[in-house]
Amino acid sequence: MNQMKHIQALLEELTPDELLALIEYIARRMRQREERKPQPLYGIWRGKFPEDVDIDATLKEVRQQWQQNIEGLAE
């Protein structure tokens, strides 16, 4: 059963008051999502990493490790 059919089947079991409460909950969640504004990544991640971190070197190291893992799987 796909998700929509499953949800529809569950909805059939709810009372009118429960349906209304569910609709109010969904509307409240949708309003909250609209109120959230995207933040720049710099602002979100500021202070989470050392200022002197070399992103390019770190990414190169990660790629090399992935490459080694992939080559190991192929053997």
Protein backbone atom coordinates (compact mmCIF):
# COMPACT_ATOMS: atom_id res chain seq x y z
CA MET A 1 0.00 0.00 0.00
CA ASN A 2 1.49 3.36 -0.93
CA GLN A 3 1.74 6.12 1.63
CA MET A 4 -1.19 8.19 0.38
CA LYS A 5 -3.57 5.23 0.47
CA HIS A 6 -2.31 4.33 3.93
CA ILE A 7 -2.93 7.90 5.15
CA GLN A 8 -6.40 7.91 3.59
CA ALA A 9 -7.25 4.65 5.35
CA LEU A 10 -6.09 6.10 8.67
CA LEU A 11 -8.14 9.25 8.09
CA GLU A 12 -11.28 7.16 7.77
CA GLU A 13 -10.82 6.07 11.37
CA LEU A 14 -10.65 9.60 12.82
CA THR A 15 -13.57 11.37 14.41
CA PRO A 16 -14.63 14.78 13.07
CA ASP A 17 -12.93 16.46 16.05
CA GLU A 18 -9.71 14.54 15.41
CA LEU A 19 -9.83 15.48 11.72
CA LEU A 20 -10.23 19.14 12.63
CA ALA A 21 -7.32 18.93 15.08
CA LEU A 22 -5.19 17.32 12.36
CA ILE A 23 -6.07 20.03 9.84
CA GLU A 24 -5.18 22.72 12.38
CA TYR A 25 -1.86 21.00 13.09
CA ILE A 26 -0.99 20.76 9.40
CA ALA A 27 -1.92 24.42 8.80
CA ARG A 28 0.23 25.51 11.76
CA ARG A 29 3.22 23.52 10.45
CA MET A 30 2.86 24.98 6.98
CA ARG A 31 2.77 28.53 8.39
CA GLN A 32 5.91 27.84 10.42
CA ARG A 33 7.73 26.60 7.32
CA GLU A 34 6.77 29.74 5.42
CA GLU A 35 8.08 31.93 8.24
CA ARG A 36 11.53 30.33 8.18
CA LYS A 37 13.88 32.22 5.94
CA PRO A 38 16.98 30.58 4.48
CA GLN A 39 20.19 31.46 6.26
CA PRO A 40 23.55 31.78 4.60
CA LEU A 41 25.72 28.74 5.28
CA TYR A 42 28.49 30.94 6.61
CA GLY A 43 26.20 32.17 9.37
CA ILE A 44 24.95 28.71 10.24
CA TRP A 45 28.41 27.10 10.39
CA ARG A 46 30.35 30.06 11.84
CA GLY A 47 32.29 28.94 14.88
CA LYS A 48 31.78 25.23 14.19
CA PHE A 49 35.16 24.78 12.51
CA PRO A 50 38.56 26.33 13.12
CA GLU A 51 39.05 29.54 11.13
CA ASP A 52 42.32 28.24 9.67
CA VAL A 53 40.90 24.98 8.29
CA ASP A 54 42.00 24.30 4.71
CA ILE A 55 38.79 23.15 3.03
CA ASP A 56 40.50 22.19 -0.23
CA ALA A 57 43.07 20.01 1.53
CA THR A 58 40.39 18.40 3.69
CA LEU A 59 38.21 17.63 0.68
CA LYS A 60 41.19 16.18 -1.19
CA GLU A 61 41.92 13.89 1.76
CA VAL A 62 38.30 12.73 1.93
CA ARG A 63 38.24 12.06 -1.83
CA GLN A 64 41.45 10.04 -1.59
CA GLN A 65 39.98 7.93 1.22
CA TRP A 66 36.80 7.34 -0.80
CA GLN A 67 38.87 6.40 -3.85
CA GLN A 68 40.84 3.88 -1.79
CA ASN A 69 37.62 2.40 -0.42
CA ILE A 70 36.13 2.13 -3.91
CA GLU A 71 39.28 0.50 -5.27
CA GLY A 72 39.23 -1.90 -2.32
CA LEU A 73 35.68 -2.94 -3.16
CA ALA A 74 36.60 -3.59 -6.78
CA GLU A 75 39.31 -6.07 -5.79
